[in-house]
N, C-alpha and C. Protein backbone atom coordinates (compact mmCIF):
# COMPACT_ATOMS: atom_id res chain seq x y z
N MET A 1 0.81 -1.19 0.00
CA MET A 1 0.00 0.00 0.00
C MET A 1 0.87 1.26 0.00
N ALA A 2 1.95 1.25 0.77
CA ALA A 2 2.81 2.42 0.86
C ALA A 2 3.50 2.70 -0.48
N LYS A 3 3.90 1.63 -1.19
CA LYS A 3 4.55 1.82 -2.48
C LYS A 3 3.59 2.48 -3.46
N ARG A 4 2.34 2.03 -3.43
CA ARG A 4 1.35 2.58 -4.35
C ARG A 4 1.13 4.07 -4.04
N PHE A 5 1.04 4.39 -2.76
CA PHE A 5 0.86 5.79 -2.37
C PHE A 5 2.06 6.63 -2.80
N ALA A 6 3.27 6.09 -2.63
CA ALA A 6 4.48 6.83 -3.01
C ALA A 6 4.51 7.07 -4.51
N ARG A 7 4.14 6.04 -5.28
CA ARG A 7 4.12 6.19 -6.74
C ARG A 7 3.07 7.23 -7.15
N ARG A 8 1.92 7.18 -6.51
CA ARG A 8 0.86 8.12 -6.84
C ARG A 8 1.30 9.56 -6.51
N LYS A 9 1.98 9.70 -5.38
CA LYS A 9 2.45 11.02 -4.97
C LYS A 9 3.49 11.54 -5.96
N GLU A 10 4.42 10.68 -6.38
CA GLU A 10 5.42 11.08 -7.37
C GLU A 10 4.75 11.50 -8.67
N ARG A 11 3.75 10.73 -9.06
CA ARG A 11 3.06 11.02 -10.32
C ARG A 11 2.34 12.36 -10.25
N THR A 12 1.66 12.62 -9.13
CA THR A 12 0.97 13.90 -9.01
C THR A 12 1.96 15.06 -8.95
N GLN A 13 3.10 14.84 -8.32
CA GLN A 13 4.11 15.90 -8.28
C GLN A 13 4.71 16.15 -9.66
N ASP A 14 4.89 15.09 -10.45
CA ASP A 14 5.38 15.27 -11.82
C ASP A 14 4.38 16.06 -12.65
N ILE A 15 3.11 15.72 -12.52
CA ILE A 15 2.06 16.43 -13.26
C ILE A 15 2.01 17.89 -12.81
N ALA A 16 2.14 18.11 -11.50
CA ALA A 16 2.10 19.48 -10.97
C ALA A 16 3.28 20.30 -11.48
N SER A 17 4.47 19.70 -11.52
CA SER A 17 5.63 20.45 -12.02
C SER A 17 5.49 20.76 -13.51
N GLU A 18 4.93 19.85 -14.28
CA GLU A 18 4.67 20.11 -15.69
C GLU A 18 3.67 21.26 -15.85
N ARG A 19 2.66 21.26 -15.00
CA ARG A 19 1.64 22.30 -15.07
C ARG A 19 2.24 23.67 -14.71
N ILE A 20 3.13 23.69 -13.74
CA ILE A 20 3.79 24.94 -13.35
C ILE A 20 4.60 25.49 -14.52
N VAL A 21 5.37 24.62 -15.16
CA VAL A 21 6.17 25.05 -16.31
C VAL A 21 5.27 25.56 -17.42
N THR A 22 4.16 24.88 -17.67
CA THR A 22 3.23 25.29 -18.71
C THR A 22 2.61 26.65 -18.39
N LEU A 23 2.16 26.83 -17.16
CA LEU A 23 1.54 28.10 -16.78
C LEU A 23 2.52 29.26 -16.89
N LEU A 24 3.75 29.06 -16.47
CA LEU A 24 4.72 30.15 -16.55
C LEU A 24 5.15 30.43 -17.99
N SER A 25 5.18 29.41 -18.85
CA SER A 25 5.51 29.66 -20.25
C SER A 25 4.35 30.37 -20.97
N VAL A 26 3.11 30.05 -20.58
CA VAL A 26 1.96 30.75 -21.14
C VAL A 26 1.96 32.20 -20.67
N ALA A 27 2.35 32.42 -19.43
CA ALA A 27 2.44 33.79 -18.90
C ALA A 27 3.48 34.59 -19.67
N GLU A 28 4.56 33.95 -20.07
CA GLU A 28 5.60 34.63 -20.84
C GLU A 28 5.09 35.06 -22.21
N ALA A 29 4.24 34.23 -22.83
CA ALA A 29 3.74 34.52 -24.16
C ALA A 29 2.58 35.52 -24.15
N GLU A 30 1.95 35.69 -23.01
CA GLU A 30 0.76 36.55 -22.90
C GLU A 30 1.15 38.03 -22.94
N LYS A 31 0.31 38.85 -23.57
CA LYS A 31 0.56 40.29 -23.66
C LYS A 31 -0.10 41.04 -22.49
N ASP A 32 -1.25 40.58 -22.04
CA ASP A 32 -2.00 41.26 -20.99
C ASP A 32 -1.34 41.01 -19.63
N MET A 33 -1.00 42.08 -18.92
CA MET A 33 -0.29 41.95 -17.64
C MET A 33 -1.14 41.29 -16.56
N GLN A 34 -2.44 41.56 -16.55
CA GLN A 34 -3.30 40.95 -15.54
C GLN A 34 -3.38 39.44 -15.72
N LEU A 35 -3.46 39.00 -16.97
CA LEU A 35 -3.48 37.56 -17.22
C LEU A 35 -2.15 36.92 -16.84
N ARG A 36 -1.05 37.62 -17.11
CA ARG A 36 0.26 37.10 -16.71
C ARG A 36 0.32 36.89 -15.20
N ASP A 37 -0.15 37.88 -14.46
CA ASP A 37 -0.14 37.77 -13.00
C ASP A 37 -1.05 36.65 -12.53
N ARG A 38 -2.17 36.46 -13.21
CA ARG A 38 -3.09 35.38 -12.85
C ARG A 38 -2.44 34.02 -13.07
N TYR A 39 -1.74 33.86 -14.20
CA TYR A 39 -1.05 32.60 -14.47
C TYR A 39 0.04 32.33 -13.42
N VAL A 40 0.74 33.36 -13.02
CA VAL A 40 1.77 33.20 -11.98
C VAL A 40 1.12 32.77 -10.67
N SER A 41 0.01 33.41 -10.30
CA SER A 41 -0.63 33.04 -9.03
C SER A 41 -1.17 31.61 -9.09
N LEU A 42 -1.69 31.19 -10.25
CA LEU A 42 -2.14 29.80 -10.39
C LEU A 42 -0.98 28.83 -10.25
N ALA A 43 0.15 29.16 -10.89
CA ALA A 43 1.32 28.29 -10.80
C ALA A 43 1.81 28.18 -9.36
N LEU A 44 1.77 29.28 -8.62
CA LEU A 44 2.22 29.26 -7.23
C LEU A 44 1.23 28.51 -6.33
N GLN A 45 -0.05 28.54 -6.68
CA GLN A 45 -1.03 27.75 -5.93
C GLN A 45 -0.78 26.26 -6.13
N VAL A 46 -0.48 25.87 -7.38
CA VAL A 46 -0.17 24.46 -7.67
C VAL A 46 1.09 24.06 -6.92
N LYS A 47 2.08 24.93 -6.93
CA LYS A 47 3.34 24.67 -6.22
C LYS A 47 3.10 24.44 -4.74
N GLN A 48 2.27 25.27 -4.15
CA GLN A 48 2.00 25.17 -2.72
C GLN A 48 1.18 23.93 -2.38
N LYS A 49 0.22 23.61 -3.21
CA LYS A 49 -0.67 22.48 -2.92
C LYS A 49 0.07 21.15 -2.99
N TYR A 50 0.91 20.98 -4.02
CA TYR A 50 1.57 19.70 -4.23
C TYR A 50 3.01 19.67 -3.73
N LYS A 51 3.47 20.75 -3.11
CA LYS A 51 4.81 20.83 -2.52
C LYS A 51 5.90 20.51 -3.54
N VAL A 52 5.88 21.27 -4.63
CA VAL A 52 6.81 21.08 -5.73
C VAL A 52 7.68 22.33 -5.85
N ARG A 53 8.94 22.14 -6.18
CA ARG A 53 9.84 23.27 -6.38
C ARG A 53 9.71 23.79 -7.81
N VAL A 54 9.78 25.09 -7.96
CA VAL A 54 9.77 25.72 -9.28
C VAL A 54 11.21 25.73 -9.78
N PRO A 55 11.46 25.38 -11.05
CA PRO A 55 12.82 25.40 -11.58
C PRO A 55 13.46 26.79 -11.43
N THR A 56 14.76 26.81 -11.24
CA THR A 56 15.49 28.05 -10.96
C THR A 56 15.30 29.09 -12.06
N ALA A 57 15.34 28.66 -13.30
CA ALA A 57 15.19 29.61 -14.41
C ALA A 57 13.82 30.28 -14.38
N LEU A 58 12.81 29.55 -13.98
CA LEU A 58 11.46 30.11 -13.92
C LEU A 58 11.22 30.89 -12.64
N ARG A 59 11.96 30.57 -11.61
CA ARG A 59 11.78 31.23 -10.31
C ARG A 59 12.15 32.71 -10.38
N GLU A 60 13.03 33.06 -11.29
CA GLU A 60 13.47 34.44 -11.41
C GLU A 60 12.52 35.29 -12.25
N ARG A 61 11.49 34.70 -12.79
CA ARG A 61 10.59 35.43 -13.67
C ARG A 61 9.41 36.07 -12.96
N TYR A 62 9.26 35.83 -11.67
CA TYR A 62 8.16 36.46 -10.95
C TYR A 62 8.66 36.99 -9.61
N CYS A 63 7.94 37.98 -9.10
CA CYS A 63 8.29 38.56 -7.81
C CYS A 63 7.67 37.69 -6.72
N LYS A 64 8.47 37.32 -5.74
CA LYS A 64 7.97 36.44 -4.68
C LYS A 64 7.08 37.17 -3.69
N GLN A 65 7.19 38.48 -3.64
CA GLN A 65 6.39 39.22 -2.67
C GLN A 65 5.01 39.58 -3.22
N CYS A 66 4.96 40.19 -4.40
CA CYS A 66 3.67 40.64 -4.94
C CYS A 66 3.12 39.70 -6.01
N ARG A 67 3.86 38.67 -6.37
CA ARG A 67 3.44 37.64 -7.32
C ARG A 67 3.10 38.19 -8.71
N THR A 68 3.87 39.15 -9.17
CA THR A 68 3.67 39.67 -10.51
C THR A 68 4.73 39.09 -11.43
N TYR A 69 4.38 38.89 -12.68
CA TYR A 69 5.32 38.40 -13.68
C TYR A 69 6.24 39.56 -14.04
N LEU A 70 7.53 39.34 -13.98
CA LEU A 70 8.50 40.41 -14.20
C LEU A 70 8.93 40.48 -15.66
N VAL A 71 8.76 41.67 -16.23
CA VAL A 71 9.19 41.95 -17.60
C VAL A 71 10.21 43.08 -17.52
N PRO A 72 11.49 42.80 -17.82
CA PRO A 72 12.51 43.85 -17.72
C PRO A 72 12.16 45.06 -18.58
N GLY A 73 12.25 46.24 -17.97
CA GLY A 73 11.94 47.47 -18.67
C GLY A 73 10.50 47.89 -18.56
N VAL A 74 9.62 46.98 -18.16
CA VAL A 74 8.20 47.31 -18.02
C VAL A 74 7.84 47.44 -16.54
N ASN A 75 8.01 46.36 -15.80
CA ASN A 75 7.68 46.41 -14.37
C ASN A 75 8.82 45.93 -13.47
N CYS A 76 10.01 45.80 -14.05
CA CYS A 76 11.17 45.49 -13.22
C CYS A 76 12.41 46.13 -13.84
N ARG A 77 13.40 46.34 -12.99
CA ARG A 77 14.65 46.95 -13.43
C ARG A 77 15.78 45.97 -13.11
N VAL A 78 16.66 45.76 -14.07
CA VAL A 78 17.78 44.84 -13.88
C VAL A 78 19.07 45.64 -13.96
N ARG A 79 19.90 45.48 -12.94
CA ARG A 79 21.19 46.15 -12.89
C ARG A 79 22.29 45.12 -12.67
N LEU A 80 23.42 45.33 -13.30
CA LEU A 80 24.57 44.45 -13.13
C LEU A 80 25.64 45.23 -12.39
N LYS A 81 26.03 44.74 -11.22
CA LYS A 81 26.96 45.49 -10.40
C LYS A 81 27.65 44.57 -9.41
N GLN A 82 28.96 44.69 -9.30
CA GLN A 82 29.78 43.98 -8.32
C GLN A 82 29.56 42.46 -8.34
N GLY A 83 29.50 41.90 -9.54
CA GLY A 83 29.36 40.45 -9.66
C GLY A 83 27.97 39.93 -9.37
N LYS A 84 27.00 40.83 -9.24
CA LYS A 84 25.63 40.41 -8.94
C LYS A 84 24.67 41.08 -9.91
N ARG A 85 23.60 40.38 -10.18
CA ARG A 85 22.51 40.92 -10.97
C ARG A 85 21.40 41.30 -10.00
N THR A 86 21.04 42.57 -9.96
CA THR A 86 20.01 43.04 -9.05
C THR A 86 18.73 43.22 -9.83
N ILE A 87 17.68 42.52 -9.42
CA ILE A 87 16.38 42.61 -10.06
C ILE A 87 15.46 43.35 -9.10
N ALA A 88 14.94 44.50 -9.53
CA ALA A 88 14.07 45.30 -8.68
C ALA A 88 12.66 45.28 -9.26
N CYS A 89 11.71 44.84 -8.47
CA CYS A 89 10.31 44.86 -8.87
C CYS A 89 9.81 46.29 -8.66
N LEU A 90 9.27 46.90 -9.71
CA LEU A 90 8.80 48.27 -9.61
C LEU A 90 7.38 48.34 -9.04
N THR A 91 6.73 47.21 -8.89
CA THR A 91 5.39 47.18 -8.32
C THR A 91 5.44 47.28 -6.80
N CYS A 92 6.28 46.46 -6.18
CA CYS A 92 6.34 46.42 -4.71
C CYS A 92 7.67 46.92 -4.16
N ARG A 93 8.62 47.29 -5.03
CA ARG A 93 9.94 47.80 -4.63
C ARG A 93 10.81 46.76 -3.94
N ARG A 94 10.65 45.51 -4.26
CA ARG A 94 11.47 44.45 -3.67
C ARG A 94 12.69 44.22 -4.55
N PHE A 95 13.85 43.99 -3.92
CA PHE A 95 15.09 43.73 -4.64
C PHE A 95 15.49 42.27 -4.46
N ARG A 96 16.06 41.72 -5.50
CA ARG A 96 16.62 40.37 -5.41
C ARG A 96 17.99 40.41 -6.06
N ARG A 97 18.97 39.87 -5.37
CA ARG A 97 20.34 39.87 -5.89
C ARG A 97 20.75 38.44 -6.21
N VAL A 98 21.23 38.25 -7.44
CA VAL A 98 21.62 36.93 -7.92
C VAL A 98 23.04 37.03 -8.44
N PRO A 99 23.96 36.15 -8.04
CA PRO A 99 25.33 36.20 -8.56
C PRO A 99 25.36 35.89 -10.06
N TYR A 100 26.37 36.45 -10.75
CA TYR A 100 26.52 36.22 -12.19
C TYR A 100 26.64 34.74 -12.49
N SER A 101 27.64 34.10 -11.89
CA SER A 101 27.88 32.69 -12.18
C SER A 101 27.73 31.89 -10.91
N LYS A 102 27.17 30.72 -11.07
CA LYS A 102 27.02 29.85 -9.91
C LYS A 102 28.20 28.90 -9.86
N ARG A 103 28.77 28.78 -8.70
CA ARG A 103 29.85 27.82 -8.51
C ARG A 103 29.24 26.54 -7.97
N PRO A 104 29.92 25.43 -8.18
CA PRO A 104 29.41 24.18 -7.62
C PRO A 104 29.30 24.27 -6.10
N ALA A 105 28.30 23.63 -5.53
CA ALA A 105 28.06 23.69 -4.09
C ALA A 105 29.24 23.16 -3.29
N LYS A 106 29.94 22.16 -3.82
CA LYS A 106 31.08 21.57 -3.10
C LYS A 106 32.19 22.59 -2.90
N VAL A 107 32.43 23.43 -3.90
CA VAL A 107 33.48 24.44 -3.80
C VAL A 107 33.12 25.45 -2.73
N LEU A 108 31.87 25.88 -2.69
CA LEU A 108 31.45 26.86 -1.69
C LEU A 108 31.55 26.28 -0.29
N LYS A 109 31.17 25.02 -0.11
CA LYS A 109 31.25 24.40 1.21
C LYS A 109 32.70 24.27 1.66
N ALA A 110 33.58 23.93 0.73
CA ALA A 110 34.99 23.78 1.07
C ALA A 110 35.58 25.12 1.51
N ARG A 111 35.17 26.19 0.90
CA ARG A 111 35.70 27.50 1.27
C ARG A 111 35.17 27.95 2.62
N ARG A 112 33.95 27.59 2.97
CA ARG A 112 33.38 27.99 4.25
C ARG A 112 34.07 27.29 5.41
N VAL A 113 34.51 26.06 5.20
CA VAL A 113 35.12 25.28 6.26
C VAL A 113 36.46 25.87 6.67
N ARG A 114 37.21 26.35 5.73
CA ARG A 114 38.56 26.86 6.00
C ARG A 114 38.52 28.07 6.79
């Protein structure tokens, strides 16, 4: 019984992650900003319900605070400074800083230990 439940849970999580990717790609293609925001909120509801992680590339496309789809030059500002990319949401004034290049996690852990 437990195996069947685990398989069913994996399957629902796979379907949920596919749905999240689909909703965010539809939001990218949409011209209307309200519909874009609606698709983002639906994707985040699916994420929350099924406890699925959003892929990193898609995670940077929406504001985590106000849940709006970010379009550079329209409702967000992107600045490159000191090895970091700063994404500012112009709707809620939230900043997010992302490093230019990601190093492997093992290298970062090794440097912290020393």
